[in-house]
């Protein structure tokens, strides 16, 4: 409910967060316009966090993948990019059922994605349309975590970070494969991030330092 979300922000309250189960996700869409393009698919994999040992592991047995049914299929160029064909789009799951299933899978876990603002905008717009509300979960941008833990690396895109760490992706721009690559990326940066993080709030605070790096880069030399 929108009024409840507003009230929670005013009084400083938020939804409970599962500290030990994070969900890494990636979406495929009909384009890059968050206002007009449509959500085609979601893939997600859980990461289990052991705060006592400051370790995490990817739980492949705890994963999710769905293609949403489309009344209007995406363009040929778009299909060539992500590989979700005409018949797959037409035979996909009813969007409301798909988003409800995704919501149940996520539960109270925090969400992580590379350039997460796009994924969040597409999922929230679709959820509002088909479920009547957005997901209440908190988000963190994996790119921001990478930037603050490896500050000297001139990387911006996911491909840049994959090259830097030597990560291979089976099929780029395919949601499940991209999600697996993002999970591996988190594993690579976690040893440097873990020393300053004792809970999920610390992870959020670490990622938020990205904006100070951006501001510093924009200062006149």
C-alpha atoms as a PDB file:
ATOM      1  CA  UNK A   1       0.000   0.000   0.000  1.00  0.00           C
ATOM      2  CA  UNK A   2       1.509   3.380  -1.030  1.00  0.00           C
ATOM      3  CA  UNK A   3       0.413   5.153   2.187  1.00  0.00           C
ATOM      4  CA  UNK A   4       2.107   2.477   4.308  1.00  0.00           C
ATOM      5  CA  UNK A   5       5.344   2.803   2.334  1.00  0.00           C
ATOM      6  CA  UNK A   6       5.256   6.581   2.841  1.00  0.00           C
ATOM      7  CA  UNK A   7       4.576   6.207   6.559  1.00  0.00           C
ATOM      8  CA  UNK A   8       7.439   3.758   6.977  1.00  0.00           C
ATOM      9  CA  UNK A   9       9.829   6.173   5.291  1.00  0.00           C
ATOM     10  CA  UNK A  10       8.684   9.020   7.526  1.00  0.00           C
ATOM     11  CA  UNK A  11       9.173   7.125  10.777  1.00  0.00           C
ATOM     12  CA  UNK A  12      12.360   5.418   9.609  1.00  0.00           C
ATOM     13  CA  UNK A  13      10.944   1.909   9.513  1.00  0.00           C
ATOM     14  CA  UNK A  14      11.509  -0.598   6.755  1.00  0.00           C
ATOM     15  CA  UNK A  15      10.551  -4.119   5.829  1.00  0.00           C
ATOM     16  CA  UNK A  16      12.438  -6.902   7.643  1.00  0.00           C
ATOM     17  CA  UNK A  17      15.529  -8.091   5.777  1.00  0.00           C
ATOM     18  CA  UNK A  18      16.846 -11.631   5.556  1.00  0.00           C
ATOM     19  CA  UNK A  19      20.485 -11.043   6.471  1.00  0.00           C
ATOM     20  CA  UNK A  20      21.679 -14.508   5.435  1.00  0.00           C
ATOM     21  CA  UNK A  21      19.929 -14.984   2.078  1.00  0.00           C
ATOM     22  CA  UNK A  22      20.502 -12.510  -0.702  1.00  0.00           C
ATOM     23  CA  UNK A  23      18.928 -12.748  -4.153  1.00  0.00           C
ATOM     24  CA  UNK A  24      20.988 -11.822  -7.208  1.00  0.00           C
ATOM     25  CA  UNK A  25      18.881 -11.180 -10.303  1.00  0.00           C
ATOM     26  CA  UNK A  26      18.881 -10.092 -13.903  1.00  0.00           C
ATOM     27  CA  UNK A  27      16.040  -9.163 -16.244  1.00  0.00           C
ATOM     28  CA  UNK A  28      15.475  -9.244 -19.979  1.00  0.00           C
ATOM     29  CA  UNK A  29      13.282  -6.562 -21.511  1.00  0.00           C
ATOM     30  CA  UNK A  30      11.885  -5.483 -24.858  1.00  0.00           C
ATOM     31  CA  UNK A  31      14.201  -2.459 -24.802  1.00  0.00           C
ATOM     32  CA  UNK A  32      15.935   0.050 -22.544  1.00  0.00           C
ATOM     33  CA  UNK A  33      13.136   2.582 -22.059  1.00  0.00           C
ATOM     34  CA  UNK A  34      11.922   2.086 -18.473  1.00  0.00           C
ATOM     35  CA  UNK A  35       8.692   3.950 -19.231  1.00  0.00           C
ATOM     36  CA  UNK A  36       7.603   2.141 -22.400  1.00  0.00           C
ATOM     37  CA  UNK A  37       9.428  -1.169 -22.763  1.00  0.00           C
ATOM     38  CA  UNK A  38       8.205  -4.397 -21.200  1.00  0.00           C
ATOM     39  CA  UNK A  39       9.606  -6.944 -18.778  1.00  0.00           C
ATOM     40  CA  UNK A  40      10.197 -10.224 -20.651  1.00  0.00           C
ATOM     41  CA  UNK A  41      12.033 -12.465 -18.195  1.00  0.00           C
ATOM     42  CA  UNK A  42      13.547 -12.658 -14.716  1.00  0.00           C
ATOM     43  CA  UNK A  43      16.300 -14.946 -13.488  1.00  0.00           C
ATOM     44  CA  UNK A  44      17.506 -15.058  -9.888  1.00  0.00           C
ATOM     45  CA  UNK A  45      19.906 -17.052  -7.727  1.00  0.00           C
ATOM     46  CA  UNK A  46      20.211 -17.015  -3.937  1.00  0.00           C
ATOM     47  CA  UNK A  47      23.463 -16.360  -2.106  1.00  0.00           C
ATOM     48  CA  UNK A  48      23.879 -17.664   1.442  1.00  0.00           C
ATOM     49  CA  UNK A  49      25.874 -15.474   3.810  1.00  0.00           C
ATOM     50  CA  UNK A  50      27.633 -16.718   6.946  1.00  0.00           C
ATOM     51  CA  UNK A  51      28.360 -13.589   8.931  1.00  0.00           C
ATOM     52  CA  UNK A  52      30.309 -15.432  11.628  1.00  0.00           C
ATOM     53  CA  UNK A  53      32.944 -16.598   9.133  1.00  0.00           C
ATOM     54  CA  UNK A  54      32.437 -13.654   6.742  1.00  0.00           C
ATOM     55  CA  UNK A  55      31.889 -16.086   3.854  1.00  0.00           C
ATOM     56  CA  UNK A  56      29.209 -16.491   1.227  1.00  0.00           C
ATOM     57  CA  UNK A  57      28.247 -19.187  -1.247  1.00  0.00           C
ATOM     58  CA  UNK A  58      26.057 -19.347  -4.316  1.00  0.00           C
ATOM     59  CA  UNK A  59      23.094 -21.687  -3.807  1.00  0.00           C
ATOM     60  CA  UNK A  60      22.268 -22.977  -7.279  1.00  0.00           C
ATOM     61  CA  UNK A  61      19.523 -25.163  -5.824  1.00  0.00           C
ATOM     62  CA  UNK A  62      17.718 -22.012  -4.719  1.00  0.00           C
ATOM     63  CA  UNK A  63      17.083 -20.298  -8.045  1.00  0.00           C
ATOM     64  CA  UNK A  64      14.248 -18.871 -10.129  1.00  0.00           C
ATOM     65  CA  UNK A  65      13.619 -18.254 -13.803  1.00  0.00           C
ATOM     66  CA  UNK A  66      10.497 -17.208 -15.680  1.00  0.00           C
ATOM     67  CA  UNK A  67       9.444 -15.787 -19.052  1.00  0.00           C
ATOM     68  CA  UNK A  68       6.410 -13.509 -18.898  1.00  0.00           C
ATOM     69  CA  UNK A  69       3.733 -13.954 -21.538  1.00  0.00           C
ATOM     70  CA  UNK A  70       3.623 -11.093 -24.039  1.00  0.00           C
ATOM     71  CA  UNK A  71       0.590  -9.892 -25.952  1.00  0.00           C
ATOM     72  CA  UNK A  72       3.011  -8.044 -28.250  1.00  0.00           C
ATOM     73  CA  UNK A  73       6.337  -9.739 -28.943  1.00  0.00           C
ATOM     74  CA  UNK A  74       9.544  -7.724 -29.045  1.00  0.00           C
ATOM     75  CA  UNK A  75      11.434  -6.744 -32.186  1.00  0.00           C
ATOM     76  CA  UNK A  76      13.626  -9.089 -34.214  1.00  0.00           C
ATOM     77  CA  UNK A  77      16.790  -7.252 -33.114  1.00  0.00           C
ATOM     78  CA  UNK A  78      15.701  -7.523 -29.500  1.00  0.00           C
ATOM     79  CA  UNK A  79      15.058 -11.263 -29.864  1.00  0.00           C
ATOM     80  CA  UNK A  80      18.505 -11.743 -31.404  1.00  0.00           C
ATOM     81  CA  UNK A  81      20.014  -9.995 -28.369  1.00  0.00           C
ATOM     82  CA  UNK A  82      18.451 -12.062 -25.568  1.00  0.00           C
ATOM     83  CA  UNK A  83      17.293 -15.164 -27.433  1.00  0.00           C
ATOM     84  CA  UNK A  84      13.727 -15.221 -26.114  1.00  0.00           C
ATOM     85  CA  UNK A  85      11.869 -16.122 -29.287  1.00  0.00           C
ATOM     86  CA  UNK A  86       8.394 -15.283 -30.510  1.00  0.00           C
ATOM     87  CA  UNK A  87       6.835 -18.556 -29.349  1.00  0.00           C
ATOM     88  CA  UNK A  88       8.520 -18.361 -25.941  1.00  0.00           C
ATOM     89  CA  UNK A  89       7.117 -14.883 -25.416  1.00  0.00           C
ATOM     90  CA  UNK A  90       3.627 -15.936 -26.468  1.00  0.00           C
ATOM     91  CA  UNK A  91       3.746 -19.118 -24.347  1.00  0.00           C
ATOM     92  CA  UNK A  92       5.213 -17.439 -21.262  1.00  0.00           C
ATOM     93  CA  UNK A  93       3.576 -17.394 -17.844  1.00  0.00           C
ATOM     94  CA  UNK A  94       0.748 -14.974 -17.134  1.00  0.00           C
ATOM     95  CA  UNK A  95       2.523 -11.810 -15.885  1.00  0.00           C
ATOM     96  CA  UNK A  96       0.556 -11.597 -12.642  1.00  0.00           C
ATOM     97  CA  UNK A  97       1.274 -15.249 -11.824  1.00  0.00           C
ATOM     98  CA  UNK A  98       4.932 -14.844 -12.788  1.00  0.00           C
ATOM     99  CA  UNK A  99       5.430 -11.771 -10.620  1.00  0.00           C
ATOM    100  CA  UNK A 100       3.579 -13.352  -7.729  1.00  0.00           C
ATOM    101  CA  UNK A 101       5.823 -16.420  -8.006  1.00  0.00           C
ATOM    102  CA  UNK A 102       8.892 -14.179  -8.072  1.00  0.00           C
ATOM    103  CA  UNK A 103       7.661 -12.282  -5.016  1.00  0.00           C
ATOM    104  CA  UNK A 104       7.203 -15.560  -3.146  1.00  0.00           C
ATOM    105  CA  UNK A 105      10.669 -16.728  -4.194  1.00  0.00           C
ATOM    106  CA  UNK A 106      12.300 -13.504  -3.044  1.00  0.00           C
ATOM    107  CA  UNK A 107      10.509 -13.371   0.290  1.00  0.00           C
ATOM    108  CA  UNK A 108      12.262 -10.891   2.575  1.00  0.00           C
ATOM    109  CA  UNK A 109      15.683 -11.246   0.941  1.00  0.00           C
ATOM    110  CA  UNK A 110      17.545  -8.144  -0.243  1.00  0.00           C
ATOM    111  CA  UNK A 111      18.021  -7.848  -4.007  1.00  0.00           C
ATOM    112  CA  UNK A 112      21.273  -7.290  -5.887  1.00  0.00           C
ATOM    113  CA  UNK A 113      21.746  -6.583  -9.580  1.00  0.00           C
ATOM    114  CA  UNK A 114      24.301  -4.955 -11.832  1.00  0.00           C
ATOM    115  CA  UNK A 115      23.066  -1.432 -12.635  1.00  0.00           C
ATOM    116  CA  UNK A 116      20.143  -2.298 -10.393  1.00  0.00           C
ATOM    117  CA  UNK A 117      18.201   0.922 -11.022  1.00  0.00           C
ATOM    118  CA  UNK A 118      17.085  -0.444 -14.385  1.00  0.00           C
ATOM    119  CA  UNK A 119      16.087  -3.883 -13.064  1.00  0.00           C
ATOM    120  CA  UNK A 120      14.253  -2.313 -10.140  1.00  0.00           C
ATOM    121  CA  UNK A 121      12.379   0.146 -12.339  1.00  0.00           C
ATOM    122  CA  UNK A 122      11.253  -2.563 -14.769  1.00  0.00           C
ATOM    123  CA  UNK A 123      10.175  -4.996 -12.053  1.00  0.00           C
ATOM    124  CA  UNK A 124       8.430  -2.320  -9.994  1.00  0.00           C
ATOM    125  CA  UNK A 125       6.507  -0.927 -12.979  1.00  0.00           C
ATOM    126  CA  UNK A 126       5.391  -4.407 -13.996  1.00  0.00           C
ATOM    127  CA  UNK A 127       4.501  -5.341 -10.413  1.00  0.00           C
ATOM    128  CA  UNK A 128       2.425  -2.196  -9.972  1.00  0.00           C
ATOM    129  CA  UNK A 129       0.575  -2.951 -13.207  1.00  0.00           C
ATOM    130  CA  UNK A 130      -0.146  -6.623 -12.514  1.00  0.00           C
ATOM    131  CA  UNK A 131      -0.081  -6.891  -8.704  1.00  0.00           C
ATOM    132  CA  UNK A 132      -1.046  -3.373  -7.676  1.00  0.00           C
ATOM    133  CA  UNK A 133       2.137  -2.735  -5.682  1.00  0.00           C
ATOM    134  CA  UNK A 134       5.892  -2.705  -6.018  1.00  0.00           C
ATOM    135  CA  UNK A 135       8.262  -5.077  -4.247  1.00  0.00           C
ATOM    136  CA  UNK A 136       9.164  -3.749  -0.771  1.00  0.00           C
ATOM    137  CA  UNK A 137      12.626  -5.347  -0.783  1.00  0.00           C
ATOM    138  CA  UNK A 138      15.764  -3.249  -0.525  1.00  0.00           C
ATOM    139  CA  UNK A 139      18.219  -3.163  -3.426  1.00  0.00           C
ATOM    140  CA  UNK A 140      21.979  -2.800  -3.840  1.00  0.00           C
ATOM    141  CA  UNK A 141      23.834  -2.166  -7.089  1.00  0.00           C
ATOM    142  CA  UNK A 142      26.646  -4.682  -7.639  1.00  0.00           C
ATOM    143  CA  UNK A 143      28.454  -2.122  -9.789  1.00  0.00           C
ATOM    144  CA  UNK A 144      28.609   0.236  -6.806  1.00  0.00           C
ATOM    145  CA  UNK A 145      30.080  -2.484  -4.592  1.00  0.00           C
ATOM    146  CA  UNK A 146      32.685  -3.224  -7.247  1.00  0.00           C
ATOM    147  CA  UNK A 147      33.588   0.446  -7.614  1.00  0.00           C
ATOM    148  CA  UNK A 148      34.176   1.057  -3.907  1.00  0.00           C
ATOM    149  CA  UNK A 149      36.073  -2.192  -3.249  1.00  0.00           C
ATOM    150  CA  UNK A 150      38.243  -1.920  -6.376  1.00  0.00           C
ATOM    151  CA  UNK A 151      38.418   1.840  -6.649  1.00  0.00           C
ATOM    152  CA  UNK A 152      41.342   1.971  -9.048  1.00  0.00           C
ATOM    153  CA  UNK A 153      39.812  -0.277 -11.710  1.00  0.00           C
ATOM    154  CA  UNK A 154      38.545   1.738 -14.732  1.00  0.00           C
ATOM    155  CA  UNK A 155      35.501  -0.497 -15.235  1.00  0.00           C
ATOM    156  CA  UNK A 156      31.957   0.633 -15.891  1.00  0.00           C
ATOM    157  CA  UNK A 157      30.072  -2.186 -17.635  1.00  0.00           C
ATOM    158  CA  UNK A 158      29.566  -5.765 -16.481  1.00  0.00           C
ATOM    159  CA  UNK A 159      31.783  -6.921 -19.342  1.00  0.00           C
ATOM    160  CA  UNK A 160      34.595  -4.712 -18.016  1.00  0.00           C
ATOM    161  CA  UNK A 161      34.466  -6.341 -14.588  1.00  0.00           C
ATOM    162  CA  UNK A 162      34.217  -9.810 -16.108  1.00  0.00           C
ATOM    163  CA  UNK A 163      37.384  -9.159 -18.121  1.00  0.00           C
ATOM    164  CA  UNK A 164      39.184  -7.784 -15.059  1.00  0.00           C
ATOM    165  CA  UNK A 165      38.395 -10.845 -12.933  1.00  0.00           C
ATOM    166  CA  UNK A 166      38.576 -13.364 -15.762  1.00  0.00           C
ATOM    167  CA  UNK A 167      34.918 -14.351 -15.394  1.00  0.00           C
ATOM    168  CA  UNK A 168      33.339 -16.229 -18.279  1.00  0.00           C
ATOM    169  CA  UNK A 169      29.641 -16.070 -19.099  1.00  0.00           C
ATOM    170  CA  UNK A 170      28.050 -18.926 -21.028  1.00  0.00           C
ATOM    171  CA  UNK A 171      25.655 -16.669 -22.973  1.00  0.00           C
ATOM    172  CA  UNK A 172      25.768 -12.903 -22.458  1.00  0.00           C
ATOM    173  CA  UNK A 173      22.431 -11.089 -22.358  1.00  0.00           C
ATOM    174  CA  UNK A 174      20.668 -14.265 -21.290  1.00  0.00           C
ATOM    175  CA  UNK A 175      19.190 -13.633 -17.839  1.00  0.00           C
ATOM    176  CA  UNK A 176      20.196 -16.880 -16.115  1.00  0.00           C
ATOM    177  CA  UNK A 177      23.760 -16.793 -17.466  1.00  0.00           C
ATOM    178  CA  UNK A 178      24.205 -13.112 -16.628  1.00  0.00           C
ATOM    179  CA  UNK A 179      22.922 -13.749 -13.110  1.00  0.00           C
ATOM    180  CA  UNK A 180      25.480 -16.507 -12.618  1.00  0.00           C
ATOM    181  CA  UNK A 181      28.243 -14.158 -13.792  1.00  0.00           C
ATOM    182  CA  UNK A 182      27.034 -11.519 -11.326  1.00  0.00           C
ATOM    183  CA  UNK A 183      27.097 -14.067  -8.511  1.00  0.00           C
ATOM    184  CA  UNK A 184      30.695 -14.907  -9.376  1.00  0.00           C
ATOM    185  CA  UNK A 185      31.528 -11.215  -9.432  1.00  0.00           C
ATOM    186  CA  UNK A 186      30.146 -10.814  -5.910  1.00  0.00           C
ATOM    187  CA  UNK A 187      32.272 -13.744  -4.773  1.00  0.00           C
ATOM    188  CA  UNK A 188      35.378 -12.077  -6.200  1.00  0.00           C
ATOM    189  CA  UNK A 189      34.844  -8.723  -4.468  1.00  0.00           C
ATOM    190  CA  UNK A 190      33.483 -10.112  -1.192  1.00  0.00           C
ATOM    191  CA  UNK A 191      36.885 -10.710   0.521  1.00  0.00           C
ATOM    192  CA  UNK A 192      37.634  -6.976   0.264  1.00  0.00           C
ATOM    193  CA  UNK A 193      34.091  -5.957   1.189  1.00  0.00           C
ATOM    194  CA  UNK A 194      33.669  -8.343   4.111  1.00  0.00           C
ATOM    195  CA  UNK A 195      36.230  -6.727   6.418  1.00  0.00           C
ATOM    196  CA  UNK A 196      34.010  -3.625   6.777  1.00  0.00           C
ATOM    197  CA  UNK A 197      30.635  -5.413   6.756  1.00  0.00           C
ATOM    198  CA  UNK A 198      29.001  -7.182   9.688  1.00  0.00           C
ATOM    199  CA  UNK A 199      25.385  -7.037   8.471  1.00  0.00           C
ATOM    200  CA  UNK A 200      23.254  -6.082   5.499  1.00  0.00           C
ATOM    201  CA  UNK A 201      23.079  -2.419   6.529  1.00  0.00           C
ATOM    202  CA  UNK A 202      26.871  -2.280   6.315  1.00  0.00           C
ATOM    203  CA  UNK A 203      26.666  -3.637   2.763  1.00  0.00           C
ATOM    204  CA  UNK A 204      24.194  -0.899   1.847  1.00  0.00           C
ATOM    205  CA  UNK A 205      26.405   1.748   3.436  1.00  0.00           C
ATOM    206  CA  UNK A 206      29.442   0.437   1.576  1.00  0.00           C
ATOM    207  CA  UNK A 207      27.617   0.604  -1.762  1.00  0.00           C
ATOM    208  CA  UNK A 208      26.403   4.135  -0.972  1.00  0.00           C
ATOM    209  CA  UNK A 209      30.018   5.363  -0.871  1.00  0.00           C
ATOM    210  CA  UNK A 210      29.920   5.087  -4.666  1.00  0.00           C
ATOM    211  CA  UNK A 211      28.236   8.469  -4.959  1.00  0.00           C
ATOM    212  CA  UNK A 212      31.167  10.125  -3.185  1.00  0.00           C
ATOM    213  CA  UNK A 213      33.565   8.526  -5.652  1.00  0.00           C
ATOM    214  CA  UNK A 214      31.456   9.860  -8.526  1.00  0.00           C
ATOM    215  CA  UNK A 215      31.451  13.347  -7.029  1.00  0.00           C
ATOM    216  CA  UNK A 216      35.208  13.240  -6.530  1.00  0.00           C
ATOM    217  CA  UNK A 217      35.696  12.237 -10.184  1.00  0.00           C
ATOM    218  CA  UNK A 218      33.673  15.249 -11.289  1.00  0.00           C
ATOM    219  CA  UNK A 219      35.768  17.776  -9.353  1.00  0.00           C
ATOM    220  CA  UNK A 220      37.917  20.077 -11.501  1.00  0.00           C
ATOM    221  CA  UNK A 221      41.545  18.948 -11.818  1.00  0.00           C
END
